[in-house]
Protein backbone atom coordinates (compact mmCIF):
# COMPACT_ATOMS: atom_id res chain seq x y z
CA MET A 1 0.00 0.00 0.00
CA ALA A 2 1.26 3.49 -0.83
CA SER A 3 1.94 5.89 2.00
CA VAL A 4 1.44 9.64 2.29
CA ASN A 5 3.52 12.12 4.26
CA LYS A 6 1.84 15.50 3.73
CA VAL A 7 1.32 18.42 6.08
CA ILE A 8 -0.75 21.55 5.45
CA LEU A 9 -0.60 24.37 7.99
CA VAL A 10 -2.10 27.83 8.19
CA GLY A 11 -0.75 29.83 11.09
CA ASN A 12 1.24 32.83 12.24
CA LEU A 13 5.01 33.10 12.39
CA GLY A 14 6.30 32.92 15.94
CA ARG A 15 9.65 34.51 15.08
CA ASP A 16 11.43 36.06 12.14
CA PRO A 17 12.88 33.48 9.75
CA GLU A 18 16.55 32.60 10.21
CA VAL A 19 18.40 32.05 6.91
CA ARG A 20 21.78 30.31 6.71
CA PHE A 21 23.77 29.08 3.74
CA MET A 22 25.24 25.60 3.38
CA PRO A 23 28.82 25.15 2.11
CA ASN A 24 27.45 24.46 -1.38
CA GLY A 25 25.71 27.87 -1.35
CA GLU A 26 22.14 26.63 -0.94
CA ALA A 27 19.95 28.54 1.50
CA VAL A 28 18.28 26.96 4.55
CA CYS A 29 15.55 28.82 6.43
CA ASN A 30 14.15 27.94 9.88
CA PHE A 31 11.18 29.47 11.67
CA SER A 32 8.20 28.42 13.76
CA ILE A 33 4.47 28.69 13.12
CA ALA A 34 1.73 28.80 15.73
CA THR A 35 -1.63 27.19 15.02
CA THR A 36 -4.42 27.78 17.50
CA GLU A 37 -7.49 25.66 18.11
CA ASN A 38 -10.53 27.23 19.83
CA TRP A 39 -13.51 25.40 21.29
CA LYS A 40 -16.03 25.55 24.12
CA ASP A 41 -15.90 22.89 26.82
CA LYS A 42 -18.95 21.12 28.29
CA SER A 43 -19.69 24.04 30.59
CA GLY A 44 -19.56 26.56 27.71
CA VAL A 45 -16.22 28.09 28.68
CA LYS A 46 -14.05 29.07 25.73
CA GLN A 47 -10.84 27.01 25.54
CA GLU A 48 -7.75 27.58 23.42
CA LYS A 49 -4.74 25.44 22.58
CA THR A 50 -1.73 26.60 20.59
CA GLU A 51 0.65 24.21 18.84
CA TRP A 52 4.10 25.27 17.66
CA HIS A 53 5.52 23.78 14.46
CA ASN A 54 9.16 24.00 13.37
CA ILE A 55 9.46 24.73 9.65
CA VAL A 56 12.52 24.16 7.44
CA MET A 57 12.84 25.43 3.87
CA TYR A 58 15.61 24.97 1.34
CA ARG A 59 16.98 26.69 -1.75
CA LYS A 60 15.01 29.50 -3.42
CA LEU A 61 11.99 28.99 -1.16
CA ALA A 62 14.26 29.61 1.86
CA GLU A 63 15.57 32.84 0.34
CA ILE A 64 12.05 34.10 -0.40
CA ALA A 65 10.84 33.25 3.11
CA GLY A 66 13.81 35.02 4.67
CA GLU A 67 13.15 38.14 2.65
CA TYR A 68 9.36 38.44 2.96
CA LEU A 69 8.14 36.61 6.07
CA LYS A 70 8.09 38.41 9.42
CA LYS A 71 7.05 37.50 12.96
CA GLY A 72 3.27 37.51 13.46
CA ARG A 73 2.35 37.32 9.79
CA PRO A 74 -0.05 34.62 8.56
CA VAL A 75 1.28 31.99 6.18
CA TYR A 76 0.14 28.81 4.42
CA ILE A 77 2.71 25.99 4.37
CA GLU A 78 2.67 22.64 2.58
CA GLY A 79 5.31 20.04 3.22
CA ARG A 80 6.19 16.74 4.84
CA LEU A 81 7.12 15.58 8.34
CA GLN A 82 10.70 14.62 9.07
CA THR A 83 12.19 13.52 12.38
CA ARG A 84 15.86 14.15 13.15
CA LYS A 85 17.83 12.20 15.75
CA TRP A 86 21.03 13.39 17.43
CA GLU A 87 22.99 13.05 20.64
CA LYS A 88 23.77 15.88 23.04
CA ASP A 89 25.73 15.24 26.23
CA GLY A 90 25.16 11.50 25.83
CA VAL A 91 21.38 11.92 25.61
CA THR A 92 19.57 10.91 22.42
CA ARG A 93 17.25 13.68 21.27
CA TYR A 94 14.58 13.84 18.57
CA SER A 95 13.08 16.76 16.70
CA THR A 96 10.14 16.62 14.31
CA GLU A 97 10.07 19.32 11.64
CA ILE A 98 7.99 20.20 8.61
CA ILE A 99 10.12 20.31 5.46
CA ALA A 100 8.19 22.88 3.43
CA ASP A 101 8.00 22.67 -0.34
CA ASN A 102 5.22 25.21 -0.89
CA MET A 103 4.44 28.51 0.82
CA GLN A 104 1.81 31.19 0.43
CA MET A 105 1.91 34.47 2.28
CA LEU A 106 -1.56 35.35 3.56
CA GLY A 107 -3.23 38.56 4.63
CA SER A 108 -2.97 42.08 3.31
CA LYS A 109 0.22 44.03 2.78
CA ASP A 110 -0.56 46.05 5.90
CA GLY A 111 -1.54 43.14 8.12
CA GLY A 112 0.68 40.38 6.88
CA GLY A 113 1.71 38.73 3.66
CA SER A 114 1.11 39.92 0.15
CA GLY A 115 -0.95 36.96 -0.99
CA ALA A 116 1.98 35.79 -3.11
CA SER A 117 2.83 32.13 -3.35
CA TYR A 118 5.85 30.08 -4.27
CA ASP A 119 6.21 26.39 -4.90
CA GLY A 120 9.68 25.21 -4.00
CA GLY A 121 9.90 23.46 -7.34
CA MET A 122 11.09 20.23 -5.76
CA ASP A 123 9.48 16.96 -6.75
CA GLN A 124 9.05 15.10 -3.49
CA GLY A 125 7.39 12.12 -5.13
CA SER A 126 3.99 13.51 -4.29
CA GLY A 127 2.40 12.52 -7.56
CA GLN A 128 2.19 16.09 -8.80
CA ASP A 129 4.61 15.38 -11.63
CA GLU A 130 1.80 13.76 -13.60
CA TYR A 131 -0.50 16.67 -12.80
CA ASN A 132 1.94 19.31 -14.04
CA GLN A 133 2.83 17.61 -17.33
CA ALA A 134 1.45 18.84 -20.62
CA PRO A 135 -1.07 16.55 -22.31
CA SER A 136 0.49 13.95 -24.58
CA ARG A 137 0.22 14.35 -28.34
CA GLN A 138 -2.24 12.18 -30.18
CA SER A 139 -2.11 10.76 -33.69
CA SER A 140 -3.06 13.24 -36.42
CA ALA A 141 -6.30 11.38 -37.24
CA ASN A 142 -7.40 11.43 -33.60
CA SER A 143 -6.29 15.00 -33.19
CA SER A 144 -8.21 16.35 -36.18
CA SER A 145 -11.45 14.57 -35.27
CA GLN A 146 -11.14 15.75 -31.67
CA SER A 147 -10.57 19.36 -32.64
CA THR A 148 -13.69 19.22 -34.87
CA ASN A 149 -15.72 17.85 -31.94
CA GLN A 150 -14.33 20.49 -29.59
CA ALA A 151 -15.15 23.31 -32.00
CA SER A 152 -18.77 22.15 -32.37
CA ASN A 153 -19.18 21.75 -28.61
CA GLN A 154 -17.92 25.23 -27.72
CA GLN A 155 -20.47 27.83 -26.75
CA ALA A 156 -20.26 31.49 -25.90
CA PRO A 157 -18.96 31.93 -22.36
CA ALA A 158 -21.65 32.52 -19.78
CA THR A 159 -21.57 35.78 -17.89
CA LYS A 160 -20.02 35.45 -14.48
CA PRO A 161 -22.17 36.26 -11.45
CA ALA A 162 -21.20 39.32 -9.46
CA ALA A 163 -18.43 38.70 -6.96
CA GLY A 164 -19.67 38.16 -3.42
CA ASN A 165 -23.04 36.74 -4.50
CA PHE A 166 -23.23 33.61 -2.41
CA ASP A 167 -27.01 33.13 -2.63
CA ASP A 168 -26.53 30.26 -5.08
CA PHE A 169 -24.55 28.16 -2.62
CA GLU A 170 -26.19 25.47 -0.58
CA ASP A 171 -26.46 26.38 3.11
CA ASP A 172 -26.67 22.92 4.64
CA ILE A 173 -23.11 21.71 4.14
CA PRO A 174 -22.49 18.54 6.14
């Protein structure tokens, strides 16, 4: 059975990103993100729990994060979990990090990110390589009959509803 190691986080930076460069010149960026869960307990009292996540980025994505991300700003991160093991003073220690391969800065320019996004461009074996490939070419006979069918099936584009008109959406989402 295939396995999946994928993490998606939306949270706020807990500290400014720290960018370092490896001997080969590639950038490495470390920072933490806080995600907060809110709920009401049985007695109706509001509860809150914050989790801190250590994020690591490499290469161009690390450089972009170091330049544009700042403490407190909201960000969307996609990546994978990775656990490191090391020894310090004879004690074995473990650290679980999110290795980010996609980032999107959220919020407005005044209150946070610019809404810009960057995909690290690294194929992590996530299956997206098939998704990003151009369609394969077909034989000329197939191609010409298909283009004839497509031309006859095309209609004038429908007018788009005004932005913010959510009356058409179903209210009872499960």
